[in-house]
Amino acid sequence: MPTNKHRLQVTVTAEVQEYLDRAHAMWPEETSTSALVTRLMAEGYARVTTDAEMAQRRRRRARRNLAATHPWPGAPAEEHLASVREGWAE
């Protein structure tokens, strides 16, 4: 079909054939190799996006925990440091 959009070429290696076979087993209604490749790409994108979002949520949670444990300088931090210094031997 004529199109102005960029097309990709993929060599069907043994590994790629395994991916296609597994995809066909999951989605037997897809009879087109192109449709299977597109569906595999969509699934991969969803997974990568989900993993990235999960990693971002973990980083935010770690920053909140760190901020709660080690507050930024200011009145509460100074009070905390004063209480810690009370136990130090001179």
N, C-alpha and C. Protein backbone atom coordinates (compact mmCIF):
# COMPACT_ATOMS: atom_id res chain seq x y z
N MET A 1 0.85 -1.17 0.00
CA MET A 1 0.00 0.00 0.00
C MET A 1 0.90 1.24 0.00
N PRO A 2 0.66 2.18 -0.88
CA PRO A 2 1.48 3.39 -0.93
C PRO A 2 1.32 4.22 0.34
N THR A 3 2.43 4.74 0.81
CA THR A 3 2.41 5.61 1.99
C THR A 3 3.63 6.50 1.98
N ASN A 4 3.53 7.64 2.62
CA ASN A 4 4.67 8.52 2.79
C ASN A 4 5.37 8.28 4.12
N LYS A 5 4.79 7.41 4.94
CA LYS A 5 5.37 7.14 6.26
C LYS A 5 6.57 6.22 6.14
N HIS A 6 7.47 6.38 7.10
CA HIS A 6 8.69 5.58 7.15
C HIS A 6 8.34 4.11 7.41
N ARG A 7 8.97 3.21 6.70
CA ARG A 7 8.77 1.78 6.91
C ARG A 7 10.03 1.18 7.51
N LEU A 8 9.86 0.09 8.25
CA LEU A 8 10.98 -0.60 8.88
C LEU A 8 11.16 -1.97 8.24
N GLN A 9 12.38 -2.44 8.26
CA GLN A 9 12.66 -3.80 7.81
C GLN A 9 13.24 -4.56 8.99
N VAL A 10 12.76 -5.76 9.18
CA VAL A 10 13.28 -6.61 10.26
C VAL A 10 13.64 -7.95 9.65
N THR A 11 14.84 -8.40 9.89
CA THR A 11 15.26 -9.71 9.43
C THR A 11 14.69 -10.75 10.40
N VAL A 12 14.05 -11.76 9.86
CA VAL A 12 13.43 -12.78 10.70
C VAL A 12 14.50 -13.81 11.05
N THR A 13 15.20 -13.52 12.13
CA THR A 13 16.19 -14.45 12.66
C THR A 13 15.45 -15.51 13.47
N ALA A 14 16.17 -16.48 13.99
CA ALA A 14 15.53 -17.51 14.82
C ALA A 14 14.87 -16.87 16.04
N GLU A 15 15.54 -15.89 16.61
CA GLU A 15 15.01 -15.20 17.79
C GLU A 15 13.73 -14.44 17.45
N VAL A 16 13.74 -13.72 16.34
CA VAL A 16 12.57 -12.96 15.91
C VAL A 16 11.43 -13.92 15.59
N GLN A 17 11.73 -15.04 14.96
CA GLN A 17 10.70 -16.03 14.64
C GLN A 17 10.06 -16.57 15.92
N GLU A 18 10.87 -16.77 16.95
CA GLU A 18 10.33 -17.21 18.24
C GLU A 18 9.36 -16.17 18.80
N TYR A 19 9.72 -14.89 18.70
CA TYR A 19 8.83 -13.82 19.16
C TYR A 19 7.52 -13.84 18.39
N LEU A 20 7.62 -14.01 17.07
CA LEU A 20 6.42 -14.03 16.23
C LEU A 20 5.56 -15.26 16.54
N ASP A 21 6.19 -16.39 16.74
CA ASP A 21 5.44 -17.61 17.06
C ASP A 21 4.69 -17.45 18.38
N ARG A 22 5.38 -16.90 19.36
CA ARG A 22 4.75 -16.69 20.66
C ARG A 22 3.62 -15.67 20.56
N ALA A 23 3.84 -14.62 19.78
CA ALA A 23 2.80 -13.61 19.58
C ALA A 23 1.59 -14.21 18.89
N HIS A 24 1.83 -15.05 17.89
CA HIS A 24 0.72 -15.70 17.19
C HIS A 24 -0.06 -16.62 18.12
N ALA A 25 0.64 -17.29 19.03
CA ALA A 25 -0.04 -18.14 20.01
C ALA A 25 -0.91 -17.31 20.96
N MET A 26 -0.43 -16.11 21.30
CA MET A 26 -1.19 -15.23 22.20
C MET A 26 -2.37 -14.59 21.49
N TRP A 27 -2.18 -14.21 20.23
CA TRP A 27 -3.20 -13.49 19.46
C TRP A 27 -3.46 -14.23 18.14
N PRO A 28 -4.10 -15.39 18.20
CA PRO A 28 -4.30 -16.18 16.98
C PRO A 28 -5.18 -15.48 15.94
N GLU A 29 -5.96 -14.50 16.37
CA GLU A 29 -6.82 -13.77 15.42
C GLU A 29 -6.01 -12.87 14.49
N GLU A 30 -4.76 -12.54 14.88
CA GLU A 30 -3.89 -11.72 14.04
C GLU A 30 -3.25 -12.61 12.99
N THR A 31 -3.60 -12.41 11.75
CA THR A 31 -3.05 -13.24 10.68
C THR A 31 -1.89 -12.56 9.96
N SER A 32 -1.75 -11.26 10.15
CA SER A 32 -0.71 -10.50 9.49
C SER A 32 0.53 -10.40 10.37
N THR A 33 1.69 -10.68 9.78
CA THR A 33 2.94 -10.52 10.50
C THR A 33 3.13 -9.07 10.93
N SER A 34 2.76 -8.15 10.07
CA SER A 34 2.86 -6.72 10.39
C SER A 34 2.01 -6.38 11.61
N ALA A 35 0.81 -6.93 11.67
CA ALA A 35 -0.06 -6.67 12.81
C ALA A 35 0.53 -7.27 14.09
N LEU A 36 1.14 -8.46 13.98
CA LEU A 36 1.78 -9.07 15.15
C LEU A 36 2.95 -8.22 15.64
N VAL A 37 3.76 -7.73 14.72
CA VAL A 37 4.90 -6.90 15.09
C VAL A 37 4.41 -5.62 15.77
N THR A 38 3.38 -5.01 15.21
CA THR A 38 2.82 -3.79 15.80
C THR A 38 2.28 -4.07 17.19
N ARG A 39 1.60 -5.20 17.35
CA ARG A 39 1.05 -5.54 18.68
C ARG A 39 2.17 -5.81 19.68
N LEU A 40 3.21 -6.52 19.25
CA LEU A 40 4.36 -6.75 20.13
C LEU A 40 5.01 -5.44 20.54
N MET A 41 5.13 -4.51 19.61
CA MET A 41 5.71 -3.20 19.93
C MET A 41 4.85 -2.47 20.94
N ALA A 42 3.53 -2.52 20.77
CA ALA A 42 2.62 -1.85 21.70
C ALA A 42 2.74 -2.45 23.09
N GLU A 43 2.83 -3.77 23.17
CA GLU A 43 2.98 -4.43 24.47
C GLU A 43 4.32 -4.06 25.11
N GLY A 44 5.37 -4.04 24.31
CA GLY A 44 6.69 -3.66 24.82
C GLY A 44 6.70 -2.22 25.31
N TYR A 45 6.06 -1.34 24.56
CA TYR A 45 5.98 0.07 24.96
C TYR A 45 5.24 0.21 26.29
N ALA A 46 4.13 -0.51 26.42
CA ALA A 46 3.37 -0.46 27.68
C ALA A 46 4.22 -0.93 28.84
N ARG A 47 5.00 -1.97 28.62
CA ARG A 47 5.85 -2.51 29.68
C ARG A 47 6.96 -1.53 30.07
N VAL A 48 7.60 -0.97 29.07
CA VAL A 48 8.69 -0.02 29.34
C VAL A 48 8.14 1.21 30.04
N THR A 49 6.99 1.69 29.59
CA THR A 49 6.37 2.86 30.21
C THR A 49 6.01 2.56 31.65
N THR A 50 5.41 1.40 31.88
CA THR A 50 5.04 1.02 33.24
C THR A 50 6.27 0.89 34.12
N ASP A 51 7.32 0.24 33.63
CA ASP A 51 8.55 0.10 34.41
C ASP A 51 9.15 1.45 34.73
N ALA A 52 9.15 2.36 33.76
CA ALA A 52 9.72 3.70 34.00
C ALA A 52 8.89 4.45 35.03
N GLU A 53 7.58 4.34 34.94
CA GLU A 53 6.72 5.02 35.91
C GLU A 53 6.91 4.44 37.31
N MET A 54 7.05 3.11 37.39
CA MET A 54 7.29 2.48 38.69
C MET A 54 8.62 2.94 39.27
N ALA A 55 9.64 3.02 38.45
CA ALA A 55 10.95 3.48 38.91
C ALA A 55 10.87 4.92 39.39
N GLN A 56 10.11 5.74 38.68
CA GLN A 56 9.96 7.14 39.08
C GLN A 56 9.23 7.23 40.42
N ARG A 57 8.19 6.42 40.61
CA ARG A 57 7.48 6.41 41.90
C ARG A 57 8.40 5.95 43.03
N ARG A 58 9.25 4.94 42.77
CA ARG A 58 10.20 4.48 43.79
C ARG A 58 11.18 5.58 44.16
N ARG A 59 11.67 6.32 43.15
CA ARG A 59 12.60 7.42 43.43
C ARG A 59 11.93 8.51 44.26
N ARG A 60 10.69 8.85 43.92
CA ARG A 60 9.98 9.87 44.70
C ARG A 60 9.79 9.42 46.15
N ARG A 61 9.41 8.16 46.33
CA ARG A 61 9.21 7.63 47.68
C ARG A 61 10.54 7.64 48.45
N ALA A 62 11.62 7.28 47.79
CA ALA A 62 12.93 7.28 48.44
C ALA A 62 13.33 8.70 48.84
N ARG A 63 13.05 9.68 47.96
CA ARG A 63 13.37 11.08 48.31
C ARG A 63 12.55 11.55 49.50
N ARG A 64 11.25 11.19 49.54
CA ARG A 64 10.42 11.58 50.69
C ARG A 64 10.93 10.95 51.97
N ASN A 65 11.30 9.66 51.90
CA ASN A 65 11.83 8.98 53.09
C ASN A 65 13.14 9.61 53.54
N LEU A 66 13.98 9.94 52.59
CA LEU A 66 15.26 10.56 52.92
C LEU A 66 15.03 11.95 53.53
N ALA A 67 14.10 12.71 52.95
CA ALA A 67 13.81 14.05 53.47
C ALA A 67 13.24 13.96 54.88
N ALA A 68 12.44 12.93 55.15
CA ALA A 68 11.87 12.77 56.49
C ALA A 68 12.95 12.38 57.50
N THR A 69 13.93 11.60 57.06
CA THR A 69 15.00 11.15 57.95
C THR A 69 16.07 12.21 58.13
N HIS A 70 16.37 12.93 57.07
CA HIS A 70 17.43 13.94 57.08
C HIS A 70 16.85 15.25 56.56
N PRO A 71 16.18 16.00 57.40
CA PRO A 71 15.51 17.22 56.93
C PRO A 71 16.51 18.27 56.45
N TRP A 72 16.02 19.17 55.62
CA TRP A 72 16.82 20.28 55.15
C TRP A 72 17.15 21.21 56.31
N PRO A 73 18.23 21.96 56.21
CA PRO A 73 18.58 22.89 57.29
C PRO A 73 17.44 23.87 57.56
N GLY A 74 17.34 24.23 58.78
CA GLY A 74 16.29 25.14 59.22
C GLY A 74 16.04 24.88 60.69
N ALA A 75 15.03 25.47 61.23
CA ALA A 75 14.75 25.32 62.66
C ALA A 75 14.63 23.86 63.09
N PRO A 76 13.81 23.02 62.44
CA PRO A 76 13.71 21.63 62.89
C PRO A 76 15.04 20.90 62.78
N ALA A 77 15.80 21.16 61.71
CA ALA A 77 17.09 20.49 61.55
C ALA A 77 18.06 20.93 62.63
N GLU A 78 18.07 22.21 62.95
CA GLU A 78 18.97 22.70 63.99
C GLU A 78 18.62 22.08 65.35
N GLU A 79 17.33 21.94 65.64
CA GLU A 79 16.92 21.30 66.90
C GLU A 79 17.38 19.86 66.93
N HIS A 80 17.26 19.18 65.79
CA HIS A 80 17.70 17.79 65.71
C HIS A 80 19.21 17.70 65.92
N LEU A 81 19.96 18.58 65.25
CA LEU A 81 21.41 18.56 65.41
C LEU A 81 21.82 18.87 66.85
N ALA A 82 21.13 19.78 67.49
CA ALA A 82 21.44 20.11 68.89
C ALA A 82 21.22 18.90 69.77
N SER A 83 20.14 18.15 69.52
CA SER A 83 19.87 16.96 70.35
C SER A 83 20.92 15.88 70.10
N VAL A 84 21.41 15.76 68.89
CA VAL A 84 22.45 14.78 68.59
C VAL A 84 23.75 15.19 69.25
N ARG A 85 24.08 16.49 69.21
CA ARG A 85 25.34 16.97 69.77
C ARG A 85 25.39 16.83 71.29
N GLU A 86 24.24 16.82 71.94
CA GLU A 86 24.22 16.69 73.40
C GLU A 86 24.87 15.39 73.83
N GLY A 87 24.78 14.34 73.02
CA GLY A 87 25.36 13.06 73.38
C GLY A 87 26.81 12.92 73.04
N TRP A 88 27.41 13.90 72.36
CA TRP A 88 28.79 13.80 71.95
C TRP A 88 29.72 14.11 73.13
N ALA A 89 30.79 13.34 73.20
CA ALA A 89 31.81 13.63 74.20
C ALA A 89 32.68 14.77 73.68
N GLU A 90 33.03 15.67 74.56
CA GLU A 90 33.86 16.82 74.17
C GLU A 90 35.29 16.44 74.07
